[in-house]
Each structure stands twice: as structure tokens, then as C-alpha cells.
């Protein structure tokens, strides 16, 4: 959470916290009901088994409150030479306070420390807290013909999951 001095504590996820990430995801997903995307709101989060590899890779981060309880999370993976943000979710009770941006900045710092040149993500083009938000965080759209094989595979999985019912974008932030 963002404290009064603007500092937010981010740390790696502990395996026993994975069910909490699912709760955060479910709560955050309800916002999609408000924009006519009930199927997205109802979509189940990653299972504990699906989340575990992100933890093992050191690419599962949480923002925590003063009690060290996760209020937001980010999971990423290495794709096409960049760190790809697979999911970032902020519990609605902690939204609009810079928590998601703090997680992205923490990941960007990890990427820079590893010599990784960029962050990538896929997102809904027309949802206000998706593509327009990420643009404010420094991400820019990537044309389909400029996608590497890993991002093409991500987009194919998303299409197979039905996410292309709404306009989607791949975005990249150079570091």
C-alpha cells in the first residue's frame, strides 16, 4: 500500500500466499462488470499450481499493507528477451493509489538490474484501467507484425481463451 510518504512496500510472494492472490484477482475482476464484460469478471484466476512457477522464477511480486498482507500482485515471465507482465491486479479497496504503478516500477527496476531492455504486456484496448492506464505508465502499442514468437504465442492463447471478443493490444515499455 502507498504510505503517507509515498513509499509502498513490495516483496516477493510467499507460496502460502497464493490463495490470497486469487482473492485479489476475483475482487479486481468484478470491475469488468461495470464496462459490460461480465465474462471477464467471472473468469477464474490462475490456480495455485499455475501461479507457483512465477514464484519459483522470482517473478511474483506483492504490494503489502502495514500488516504485511498482500493488497495487489504482479506476475511476470521472460518472453522474447523482455519481462512480460502476465497479470497485475490491485484489490479495489486499494485502487487508484499508485499501487499497480509501484509494482510495475519494481519490476522495471528488476529488469534494468538484469540488463533486460523492456517490459511487455497484453491488455484490453478500450478499458480505461487497461491500455490508457498502461500508456500513462510509459507503455506503447506494438504492431502485430513486430511481435516476436513468444508474444505471438501469448496472443494465440488469449484468442483461444476468448479474450479477443474485445479489442486487445500488446504494449511495450523500453527501459
N, C-alpha and C. Protein backbone atom coordinates (compact mmCIF):
# COMPACT_ATOMS: atom_id res chain seq x y z
N UNK A 1 0.85 -1.18 0.00
CA UNK A 1 0.00 0.00 0.00
C UNK A 1 0.89 1.24 0.00
N UNK A 2 0.40 2.32 -0.54
CA UNK A 2 1.17 3.55 -0.55
C UNK A 2 1.01 4.22 0.81
N UNK A 3 2.10 4.42 1.49
CA UNK A 3 2.06 5.08 2.79
C UNK A 3 1.99 6.60 2.59
N UNK A 4 1.85 7.32 3.68
CA UNK A 4 1.74 8.79 3.59
C UNK A 4 2.94 9.42 2.92
N UNK A 5 4.11 8.81 3.08
CA UNK A 5 5.31 9.37 2.46
C UNK A 5 5.48 8.91 1.01
N UNK A 6 4.49 8.19 0.48
CA UNK A 6 4.55 7.76 -0.91
C UNK A 6 5.31 6.47 -1.12
N UNK A 7 5.78 5.85 -0.05
CA UNK A 7 6.54 4.62 -0.17
C UNK A 7 5.61 3.43 -0.03
N UNK A 8 5.75 2.49 -0.93
CA UNK A 8 4.95 1.27 -0.88
C UNK A 8 5.91 0.11 -0.71
N UNK A 9 5.55 -0.83 0.10
CA UNK A 9 6.41 -1.99 0.30
C UNK A 9 6.03 -3.06 -0.72
N UNK A 10 7.01 -3.49 -1.49
CA UNK A 10 6.84 -4.57 -2.47
C UNK A 10 7.83 -5.65 -2.09
N UNK A 11 7.38 -6.88 -2.17
CA UNK A 11 8.27 -8.02 -1.90
C UNK A 11 7.83 -9.18 -2.76
N UNK A 12 8.64 -10.25 -2.73
CA UNK A 12 8.28 -11.46 -3.46
C UNK A 12 7.13 -12.16 -2.74
N UNK A 13 6.33 -12.86 -3.51
CA UNK A 13 5.20 -13.63 -2.98
C UNK A 13 5.73 -14.86 -2.26
N UNK A 14 5.08 -15.21 -1.16
CA UNK A 14 5.36 -16.48 -0.48
C UNK A 14 4.33 -17.50 -0.98
N UNK A 15 4.77 -18.74 -1.14
CA UNK A 15 3.90 -19.78 -1.70
C UNK A 15 2.57 -19.87 -0.93
N UNK A 16 2.62 -19.75 0.39
CA UNK A 16 1.38 -19.87 1.17
C UNK A 16 0.41 -18.71 0.93
N UNK A 17 0.87 -17.65 0.24
CA UNK A 17 0.00 -16.51 -0.06
C UNK A 17 -0.73 -16.64 -1.39
N UNK A 18 -0.45 -17.68 -2.15
CA UNK A 18 -1.06 -17.80 -3.48
C UNK A 18 -2.59 -17.75 -3.44
N UNK A 19 -3.27 -18.37 -2.46
CA UNK A 19 -4.72 -18.22 -2.41
C UNK A 19 -5.17 -16.76 -2.22
N UNK A 20 -4.37 -15.95 -1.54
CA UNK A 20 -4.70 -14.53 -1.39
C UNK A 20 -4.65 -13.81 -2.74
N UNK A 21 -3.71 -14.22 -3.60
CA UNK A 21 -3.64 -13.61 -4.93
C UNK A 21 -4.91 -13.91 -5.70
N UNK A 22 -5.43 -15.11 -5.55
CA UNK A 22 -6.69 -15.47 -6.22
C UNK A 22 -7.83 -14.57 -5.71
N UNK A 23 -7.87 -14.31 -4.41
CA UNK A 23 -8.90 -13.43 -3.86
C UNK A 23 -8.77 -12.02 -4.43
N UNK A 24 -7.54 -11.51 -4.51
CA UNK A 24 -7.31 -10.17 -5.07
C UNK A 24 -7.80 -10.14 -6.51
N UNK A 25 -7.47 -11.18 -7.28
CA UNK A 25 -7.86 -11.24 -8.69
C UNK A 25 -9.38 -11.26 -8.85
N UNK A 26 -10.05 -12.06 -8.04
CA UNK A 26 -11.52 -12.11 -8.12
C UNK A 26 -12.13 -10.75 -7.80
N UNK A 27 -11.64 -10.10 -6.76
CA UNK A 27 -12.18 -8.78 -6.37
C UNK A 27 -11.91 -7.75 -7.47
N UNK A 28 -10.70 -7.75 -8.00
CA UNK A 28 -10.35 -6.78 -9.06
C UNK A 28 -11.16 -7.06 -10.32
N UNK A 29 -11.41 -8.31 -10.61
CA UNK A 29 -12.14 -8.68 -11.82
C UNK A 29 -13.57 -8.18 -11.84
N UNK A 30 -14.17 -7.99 -10.66
CA UNK A 30 -15.56 -7.52 -10.62
C UNK A 30 -15.75 -6.18 -11.32
N UNK A 31 -14.68 -5.38 -11.41
CA UNK A 31 -14.77 -4.08 -12.07
C UNK A 31 -15.16 -4.22 -13.54
N UNK A 32 -14.88 -5.38 -14.14
CA UNK A 32 -15.22 -5.57 -15.54
C UNK A 32 -16.74 -5.64 -15.75
N UNK A 33 -17.49 -5.98 -14.72
CA UNK A 33 -18.96 -5.95 -14.82
C UNK A 33 -19.44 -4.55 -15.20
N UNK A 34 -18.75 -3.54 -14.68
CA UNK A 34 -19.16 -2.14 -14.88
C UNK A 34 -18.99 -1.68 -16.32
N UNK A 35 -18.18 -2.39 -17.11
CA UNK A 35 -17.96 -1.99 -18.50
C UNK A 35 -18.50 -3.02 -19.48
N UNK A 36 -19.46 -3.83 -19.01
CA UNK A 36 -20.14 -4.78 -19.89
C UNK A 36 -19.32 -6.00 -20.26
N UNK A 37 -18.37 -6.37 -19.42
CA UNK A 37 -17.50 -7.51 -19.71
C UNK A 37 -17.67 -8.56 -18.61
N UNK A 38 -18.91 -9.02 -18.45
CA UNK A 38 -19.23 -9.96 -17.37
C UNK A 38 -18.42 -11.25 -17.47
N UNK A 39 -18.12 -11.69 -18.69
CA UNK A 39 -17.34 -12.92 -18.85
C UNK A 39 -15.94 -12.78 -18.25
N UNK A 40 -15.36 -11.60 -18.37
CA UNK A 40 -14.04 -11.35 -17.79
C UNK A 40 -14.17 -11.28 -16.27
N UNK A 41 -15.21 -10.62 -15.80
CA UNK A 41 -15.42 -10.54 -14.35
C UNK A 41 -15.58 -11.93 -13.74
N UNK A 42 -16.20 -12.84 -14.46
CA UNK A 42 -16.47 -14.18 -13.94
C UNK A 42 -15.31 -15.15 -14.17
N UNK A 43 -14.32 -14.74 -14.96
CA UNK A 43 -13.21 -15.64 -15.30
C UNK A 43 -12.43 -15.99 -14.03
N UNK A 44 -12.13 -17.26 -13.88
CA UNK A 44 -11.39 -17.72 -12.71
C UNK A 44 -9.92 -17.27 -12.80
N UNK A 45 -9.33 -16.89 -11.68
CA UNK A 45 -7.91 -16.51 -11.70
C UNK A 45 -7.04 -17.74 -11.91
N UNK A 46 -5.74 -17.49 -12.08
CA UNK A 46 -4.78 -18.59 -12.15
C UNK A 46 -4.96 -19.47 -10.93
N UNK A 47 -4.77 -20.77 -11.10
CA UNK A 47 -4.78 -21.69 -9.97
C UNK A 47 -3.47 -21.54 -9.19
N UNK A 48 -3.44 -22.07 -7.98
CA UNK A 48 -2.21 -22.07 -7.19
C UNK A 48 -1.10 -22.77 -7.98
N UNK A 49 -1.45 -23.85 -8.65
CA UNK A 49 -0.45 -24.59 -9.45
C UNK A 49 0.08 -23.74 -10.61
N UNK A 50 -0.79 -22.93 -11.21
CA UNK A 50 -0.35 -22.07 -12.32
C UNK A 50 0.48 -20.89 -11.81
N UNK A 51 0.21 -20.43 -10.60
CA UNK A 51 0.96 -19.31 -10.03
C UNK A 51 2.34 -19.72 -9.52
N UNK A 52 2.47 -20.95 -9.07
CA UNK A 52 3.71 -21.40 -8.43
C UNK A 52 4.97 -21.19 -9.28
N UNK A 53 4.95 -21.45 -10.60
CA UNK A 53 6.19 -21.23 -11.39
C UNK A 53 6.66 -19.78 -11.37
N UNK A 54 5.74 -18.83 -11.29
CA UNK A 54 6.14 -17.42 -11.21
C UNK A 54 6.91 -17.17 -9.91
N UNK A 55 6.45 -17.80 -8.81
CA UNK A 55 7.12 -17.67 -7.52
C UNK A 55 8.52 -18.28 -7.62
N UNK A 56 8.61 -19.48 -8.18
CA UNK A 56 9.91 -20.15 -8.30
C UNK A 56 10.89 -19.34 -9.14
N UNK A 57 10.37 -18.62 -10.13
CA UNK A 57 11.22 -17.81 -11.01
C UNK A 57 11.60 -16.47 -10.38
N UNK A 58 11.03 -16.16 -9.21
CA UNK A 58 11.29 -14.86 -8.58
C UNK A 58 10.57 -13.72 -9.27
N UNK A 59 9.51 -14.04 -10.03
CA UNK A 59 8.78 -13.02 -10.79
C UNK A 59 7.32 -12.92 -10.35
N UNK A 60 7.10 -13.13 -9.06
CA UNK A 60 5.78 -12.93 -8.45
C UNK A 60 5.96 -11.93 -7.32
N UNK A 61 5.36 -10.77 -7.47
CA UNK A 61 5.53 -9.67 -6.52
C UNK A 61 4.20 -9.30 -5.90
N UNK A 62 4.27 -8.87 -4.63
CA UNK A 62 3.07 -8.33 -3.98
C UNK A 62 3.38 -6.97 -3.40
N UNK A 63 2.36 -6.12 -3.41
CA UNK A 63 2.37 -4.89 -2.61
C UNK A 63 1.61 -5.24 -1.34
N UNK A 64 2.16 -4.86 -0.21
CA UNK A 64 1.56 -5.25 1.07
C UNK A 64 1.15 -4.04 1.88
N UNK A 65 0.15 -4.27 2.75
CA UNK A 65 -0.29 -3.22 3.66
C UNK A 65 0.61 -3.21 4.90
N UNK A 66 0.27 -2.38 5.87
CA UNK A 66 1.07 -2.25 7.08
C UNK A 66 1.17 -3.52 7.90
N UNK A 67 0.25 -4.46 7.66
CA UNK A 67 0.27 -5.75 8.36
C UNK A 67 0.98 -6.82 7.54
N UNK A 68 1.63 -6.42 6.45
CA UNK A 68 2.34 -7.32 5.55
C UNK A 68 1.39 -8.26 4.80
N UNK A 69 0.13 -7.85 4.65
CA UNK A 69 -0.85 -8.64 3.91
C UNK A 69 -0.92 -8.12 2.47
N UNK A 70 -0.83 -9.01 1.48
CA UNK A 70 -0.90 -8.57 0.08
C UNK A 70 -2.22 -7.86 -0.25
N UNK A 71 -2.10 -6.74 -0.96
CA UNK A 71 -3.27 -6.00 -1.44
C UNK A 71 -3.27 -5.90 -2.96
N UNK A 72 -2.15 -6.30 -3.57
CA UNK A 72 -2.02 -6.27 -5.03
C UNK A 72 -0.88 -7.21 -5.40
N UNK A 73 -0.93 -7.68 -6.65
CA UNK A 73 0.15 -8.55 -7.09
C UNK A 73 0.44 -8.39 -8.56
N UNK A 74 1.63 -8.85 -8.93
CA UNK A 74 2.07 -8.85 -10.32
C UNK A 74 2.85 -10.15 -10.53
N UNK A 75 2.56 -10.83 -11.63
CA UNK A 75 3.36 -11.98 -12.03
C UNK A 75 3.87 -11.73 -13.44
N UNK A 76 5.12 -12.13 -13.66
CA UNK A 76 5.76 -11.87 -14.96
C UNK A 76 6.56 -13.10 -15.38
N UNK A 77 6.90 -13.12 -16.66
CA UNK A 77 7.75 -14.19 -17.19
C UNK A 77 8.65 -13.60 -18.25
N UNK A 78 9.68 -14.34 -18.58
CA UNK A 78 10.63 -13.90 -19.60
C UNK A 78 10.13 -14.36 -20.97
N UNK A 79 9.84 -13.40 -21.84
CA UNK A 79 9.35 -13.71 -23.18
C UNK A 79 10.04 -12.78 -24.17
N UNK A 80 10.58 -13.35 -25.22
CA UNK A 80 11.19 -12.58 -26.32
C UNK A 80 12.21 -11.56 -25.82
N UNK A 81 12.98 -11.92 -24.80
CA UNK A 81 14.03 -11.03 -24.30
C UNK A 81 13.58 -9.92 -23.40
N UNK A 82 12.29 -9.89 -23.06
CA UNK A 82 11.75 -8.87 -22.16
C UNK A 82 11.11 -9.55 -20.96
N UNK A 83 10.77 -8.77 -19.94
CA UNK A 83 9.94 -9.29 -18.86
C UNK A 83 8.49 -8.96 -19.22
N UNK A 84 7.70 -10.01 -19.36
CA UNK A 84 6.31 -9.87 -19.78
C UNK A 84 5.40 -9.92 -18.56
N UNK A 85 4.62 -8.88 -18.36
CA UNK A 85 3.66 -8.81 -17.26
C UNK A 85 2.48 -9.69 -17.64
N UNK A 86 2.37 -10.83 -17.00
CA UNK A 86 1.28 -11.75 -17.28
C UNK A 86 -0.01 -11.30 -16.61
N UNK A 87 0.12 -10.77 -15.41
CA UNK A 87 -1.06 -10.30 -14.67
C UNK A 87 -0.61 -9.28 -13.64
N UNK A 88 -1.39 -8.22 -13.52
CA UNK A 88 -1.23 -7.28 -12.40
C UNK A 88 -2.64 -6.97 -11.92
N UNK A 89 -2.87 -7.14 -10.64
CA UNK A 89 -4.20 -6.91 -10.06
C UNK A 89 -4.06 -6.21 -8.73
N UNK A 90 -4.93 -5.22 -8.53
CA UNK A 90 -4.98 -4.47 -7.29
C UNK A 90 -6.38 -4.65 -6.70
N UNK A 91 -6.42 -5.00 -5.41
CA UNK A 91 -7.72 -5.13 -4.75
C UNK A 91 -8.41 -3.76 -4.84
N UNK A 92 -9.71 -3.73 -5.20
CA UNK A 92 -10.40 -2.44 -5.36
C UNK A 92 -10.33 -1.53 -4.13
N UNK A 93 -10.21 -2.09 -2.95
CA UNK A 93 -10.11 -1.26 -1.73
C UNK A 93 -8.80 -0.48 -1.69
N UNK A 94 -7.84 -0.84 -2.54
CA UNK A 94 -6.53 -0.18 -2.57
C UNK A 94 -6.23 0.44 -3.92
N UNK A 95 -7.23 0.49 -4.80
CA UNK A 95 -7.04 1.00 -6.15
C UNK A 95 -6.90 2.53 -6.15
N UNK A 96 -6.34 3.02 -7.25
CA UNK A 96 -6.21 4.45 -7.51
C UNK A 96 -5.31 5.16 -6.49
N UNK A 97 -4.31 4.40 -6.00
CA UNK A 97 -3.35 4.96 -5.04
C UNK A 97 -1.92 4.75 -5.49
N UNK A 98 -1.73 4.34 -6.74
CA UNK A 98 -0.38 4.13 -7.26
C UNK A 98 0.20 2.76 -6.95
N UNK A 99 -0.63 1.85 -6.44
CA UNK A 99 -0.13 0.53 -6.06
C UNK A 99 0.30 -0.28 -7.29
N UNK A 100 -0.56 -0.31 -8.32
CA UNK A 100 -0.22 -1.03 -9.54
C UNK A 100 1.01 -0.45 -10.21
N UNK A 101 1.09 0.86 -10.25
CA UNK A 101 2.26 1.53 -10.84
C UNK A 101 3.52 1.17 -10.03
N UNK A 102 3.38 1.11 -8.72
CA UNK A 102 4.52 0.74 -7.88
C UNK A 102 5.03 -0.65 -8.19
N UNK A 103 4.11 -1.58 -8.42
CA UNK A 103 4.51 -2.94 -8.81
C UNK A 103 5.22 -2.93 -10.15
N UNK A 104 4.69 -2.18 -11.12
CA UNK A 104 5.33 -2.09 -12.43
C UNK A 104 6.73 -1.48 -12.32
N UNK A 105 6.86 -0.45 -11.49
CA UNK A 105 8.17 0.20 -11.33
C UNK A 105 9.16 -0.76 -10.66
N UNK A 106 8.70 -1.55 -9.72
CA UNK A 106 9.57 -2.53 -9.07
C UNK A 106 10.05 -3.55 -10.10
N UNK A 107 9.14 -4.03 -10.94
CA UNK A 107 9.52 -4.97 -11.99
C UNK A 107 10.50 -4.32 -12.97
N UNK A 108 10.26 -3.06 -13.31
CA UNK A 108 11.17 -2.35 -14.22
C UNK A 108 12.57 -2.27 -13.62
N UNK A 109 12.66 -2.02 -12.32
CA UNK A 109 13.96 -1.96 -11.67
C UNK A 109 14.65 -3.32 -11.69
N UNK A 110 13.89 -4.39 -11.48
CA UNK A 110 14.46 -5.74 -11.58
C UNK A 110 14.98 -5.99 -12.99
N UNK A 111 14.19 -5.59 -13.99
CA UNK A 111 14.60 -5.79 -15.38
C UNK A 111 15.89 -5.05 -15.68
N UNK A 112 15.97 -3.79 -15.28
CA UNK A 112 17.18 -3.00 -15.52
C UNK A 112 18.38 -3.66 -14.85
N UNK A 113 18.20 -4.13 -13.62
CA UNK A 113 19.30 -4.78 -12.89
C UNK A 113 19.79 -6.03 -13.61
N UNK A 114 18.88 -6.70 -14.34
CA UNK A 114 19.24 -7.91 -15.09
C UNK A 114 19.70 -7.60 -16.51
N UNK A 115 19.65 -6.34 -16.90
CA UNK A 115 20.01 -5.98 -18.27
C UNK A 115 18.92 -6.27 -19.28
N UNK A 116 17.69 -6.43 -18.81
CA UNK A 116 16.55 -6.68 -19.69
C UNK A 116 16.08 -5.33 -20.24
N UNK A 117 15.90 -5.20 -21.56
CA UNK A 117 15.66 -3.89 -22.15
C UNK A 117 14.24 -3.35 -22.08
N UNK A 118 13.26 -4.21 -21.74
CA UNK A 118 11.87 -3.74 -21.84
C UNK A 118 10.93 -4.61 -21.00
N UNK A 119 9.77 -4.03 -20.73
CA UNK A 119 8.63 -4.76 -20.19
C UNK A 119 7.59 -4.85 -21.29
N UNK A 120 6.87 -5.96 -21.34
CA UNK A 120 5.76 -6.09 -22.28
C UNK A 120 4.53 -6.55 -21.52
N UNK A 121 3.37 -6.40 -22.14
CA UNK A 121 2.12 -6.90 -21.60
C UNK A 121 1.08 -6.93 -22.70
N UNK A 122 -0.01 -7.64 -22.45
CA UNK A 122 -1.17 -7.59 -23.33
C UNK A 122 -2.31 -7.06 -22.50
N UNK A 123 -3.23 -6.35 -23.15
CA UNK A 123 -4.28 -5.69 -22.39
C UNK A 123 -5.47 -5.36 -23.29
N UNK A 124 -6.57 -5.02 -22.66
CA UNK A 124 -7.74 -4.58 -23.41
C UNK A 124 -7.54 -3.13 -23.84
N UNK A 125 -7.76 -2.88 -25.13
CA UNK A 125 -7.50 -1.56 -25.71
C UNK A 125 -8.44 -0.48 -25.19
N UNK A 126 -9.69 -0.85 -24.89
CA UNK A 126 -10.71 0.17 -24.63
C UNK A 126 -11.18 0.23 -23.18
N UNK A 127 -10.54 -0.51 -22.28
CA UNK A 127 -10.92 -0.46 -20.86
C UNK A 127 -10.05 0.61 -20.19
N UNK A 128 -10.68 1.60 -19.52
CA UNK A 128 -9.92 2.75 -19.00
C UNK A 128 -8.74 2.38 -18.10
N UNK A 129 -8.88 1.34 -17.28
CA UNK A 129 -7.77 0.98 -16.38
C UNK A 129 -6.85 -0.06 -17.02
N UNK A 130 -6.98 -0.24 -18.33
CA UNK A 130 -6.09 -1.14 -19.06
C UNK A 130 -5.20 -0.29 -19.99
N UNK A 131 -5.37 -0.37 -21.30
CA UNK A 131 -4.43 0.29 -22.22
C UNK A 131 -4.20 1.77 -21.92
N UNK A 132 -5.24 2.58 -21.68
CA UNK A 132 -4.96 4.00 -21.38
C UNK A 132 -4.10 4.18 -20.12
N UNK A 133 -4.33 3.34 -19.12
CA UNK A 133 -3.52 3.39 -17.90
C UNK A 133 -2.07 3.02 -18.20
N UNK A 134 -1.87 1.92 -18.92
CA UNK A 134 -0.51 1.49 -19.22
C UNK A 134 0.22 2.51 -20.09
N UNK A 135 -0.50 3.20 -20.96
CA UNK A 135 0.13 4.26 -21.75
C UNK A 135 0.67 5.35 -20.82
N UNK A 136 -0.09 5.69 -19.78
CA UNK A 136 0.38 6.68 -18.81
C UNK A 136 1.60 6.17 -18.04
N UNK A 137 1.76 4.85 -17.98
CA UNK A 137 2.92 4.24 -17.30
C UNK A 137 4.11 4.04 -18.25
N UNK A 138 4.01 4.55 -19.47
CA UNK A 138 5.14 4.50 -20.40
C UNK A 138 5.11 3.38 -21.41
N UNK A 139 4.04 2.60 -21.46
CA UNK A 139 3.93 1.52 -22.44
C UNK A 139 3.38 2.07 -23.75
N UNK A 140 3.85 1.51 -24.86
CA UNK A 140 3.39 1.92 -26.19
C UNK A 140 2.91 0.68 -26.95
N UNK A 141 1.88 0.83 -27.80
CA UNK A 141 1.39 -0.32 -28.58
C UNK A 141 2.47 -0.88 -29.49
N UNK A 142 2.44 -2.20 -29.63
CA UNK A 142 3.36 -2.90 -30.54
C UNK A 142 2.52 -3.43 -31.70
N UNK A 143 2.88 -3.08 -32.94
CA UNK A 143 2.13 -3.61 -34.08
C UNK A 143 2.24 -5.13 -34.15
N UNK A 144 1.17 -5.76 -34.62
CA UNK A 144 1.15 -7.23 -34.72
C UNK A 144 2.35 -7.77 -35.49
N UNK A 145 2.75 -7.08 -36.57
CA UNK A 145 3.85 -7.59 -37.39
C UNK A 145 5.22 -7.44 -36.74
N UNK A 146 5.27 -6.79 -35.57
CA UNK A 146 6.54 -6.61 -34.86
C UNK A 146 6.66 -7.56 -33.65
N UNK A 147 5.69 -8.44 -33.47
CA UNK A 147 5.71 -9.35 -32.33
C UNK A 147 6.69 -10.49 -32.55
N UNK A 148 7.41 -10.83 -31.50
CA UNK A 148 8.28 -12.00 -31.54
C UNK A 148 7.46 -13.27 -31.37
N UNK A 149 8.09 -14.42 -31.49
CA UNK A 149 7.36 -15.70 -31.40
C UNK A 149 6.70 -15.93 -30.04
N UNK A 150 7.34 -15.49 -28.98
CA UNK A 150 6.75 -15.68 -27.65
C UNK A 150 5.47 -14.87 -27.47
N UNK A 151 5.49 -13.62 -27.89
CA UNK A 151 4.29 -12.78 -27.78
C UNK A 151 3.19 -13.25 -28.73
N UNK A 152 3.58 -13.76 -29.89
CA UNK A 152 2.57 -14.33 -30.80
C UNK A 152 1.87 -15.51 -30.12
N UNK A 153 2.64 -16.33 -29.40
CA UNK A 153 2.06 -17.47 -28.69
C UNK A 153 1.13 -17.00 -27.57
N UNK A 154 1.52 -15.94 -26.86
CA UNK A 154 0.65 -15.38 -25.81
C UNK A 154 -0.67 -14.94 -26.43
N UNK A 155 -0.59 -14.21 -27.53
CA UNK A 155 -1.82 -13.71 -28.18
C UNK A 155 -2.68 -14.88 -28.67
N UNK A 156 -2.07 -15.93 -29.17
CA UNK A 156 -2.84 -17.09 -29.64
C UNK A 156 -3.57 -17.74 -28.46
N UNK A 157 -2.89 -17.87 -27.30
CA UNK A 157 -3.54 -18.43 -26.10
C UNK A 157 -4.71 -17.56 -25.66
N UNK A 158 -4.51 -16.25 -25.70
CA UNK A 158 -5.58 -15.34 -25.30
C UNK A 158 -6.79 -15.46 -26.24
N UNK A 159 -6.51 -15.53 -27.53
CA UNK A 159 -7.60 -15.67 -28.51
C UNK A 159 -8.35 -16.98 -28.27
N UNK A 160 -7.61 -18.06 -28.00
CA UNK A 160 -8.25 -19.35 -27.74
C UNK A 160 -9.10 -19.31 -26.48
N UNK A 161 -8.72 -18.44 -25.54
CA UNK A 161 -9.46 -18.29 -24.28
C UNK A 161 -10.67 -17.36 -24.45
N UNK A 162 -10.83 -16.77 -25.63
CA UNK A 162 -11.99 -15.91 -25.90
C UNK A 162 -11.78 -14.44 -25.59
N UNK A 163 -10.57 -14.04 -25.28
CA UNK A 163 -10.34 -12.64 -24.91
C UNK A 163 -10.47 -11.69 -26.09
N UNK A 164 -10.36 -12.19 -27.31
CA UNK A 164 -10.43 -11.32 -28.48
C UNK A 164 -11.85 -10.87 -28.83
N UNK A 165 -12.81 -11.21 -27.99
CA UNK A 165 -14.16 -10.65 -28.18
C UNK A 165 -14.12 -9.14 -28.03
N UNK A 166 -13.09 -8.64 -27.35
CA UNK A 166 -12.88 -7.21 -27.15
C UNK A 166 -11.50 -6.86 -27.70
N UNK A 167 -11.33 -5.64 -28.22
CA UNK A 167 -10.03 -5.28 -28.80
C UNK A 167 -8.89 -5.43 -27.79
N UNK A 168 -7.80 -6.09 -28.23
CA UNK A 168 -6.62 -6.34 -27.40
C UNK A 168 -5.41 -5.67 -28.01
N UNK A 169 -4.45 -5.34 -27.17
CA UNK A 169 -3.20 -4.74 -27.60
C UNK A 169 -2.03 -5.44 -26.93
N UNK A 170 -0.91 -5.53 -27.63
CA UNK A 170 0.37 -5.82 -27.00
C UNK A 170 1.04 -4.46 -26.80
N UNK A 171 1.59 -4.26 -25.61
CA UNK A 171 2.26 -2.99 -25.32
C UNK A 171 3.66 -3.27 -24.79
N UNK A 172 4.57 -2.31 -25.02
CA UNK A 172 5.96 -2.48 -24.61
C UNK A 172 6.46 -1.16 -24.01
N UNK A 173 7.25 -1.30 -22.96
CA UNK A 173 7.89 -0.14 -22.34
C UNK A 173 9.40 -0.35 -22.37
N UNK A 174 10.07 0.48 -23.11
CA UNK A 174 11.54 0.42 -23.16
C UNK A 174 12.08 0.93 -21.83
N UNK A 175 13.15 0.30 -21.38
CA UNK A 175 13.75 0.69 -20.09
C UNK A 175 15.09 1.36 -20.28
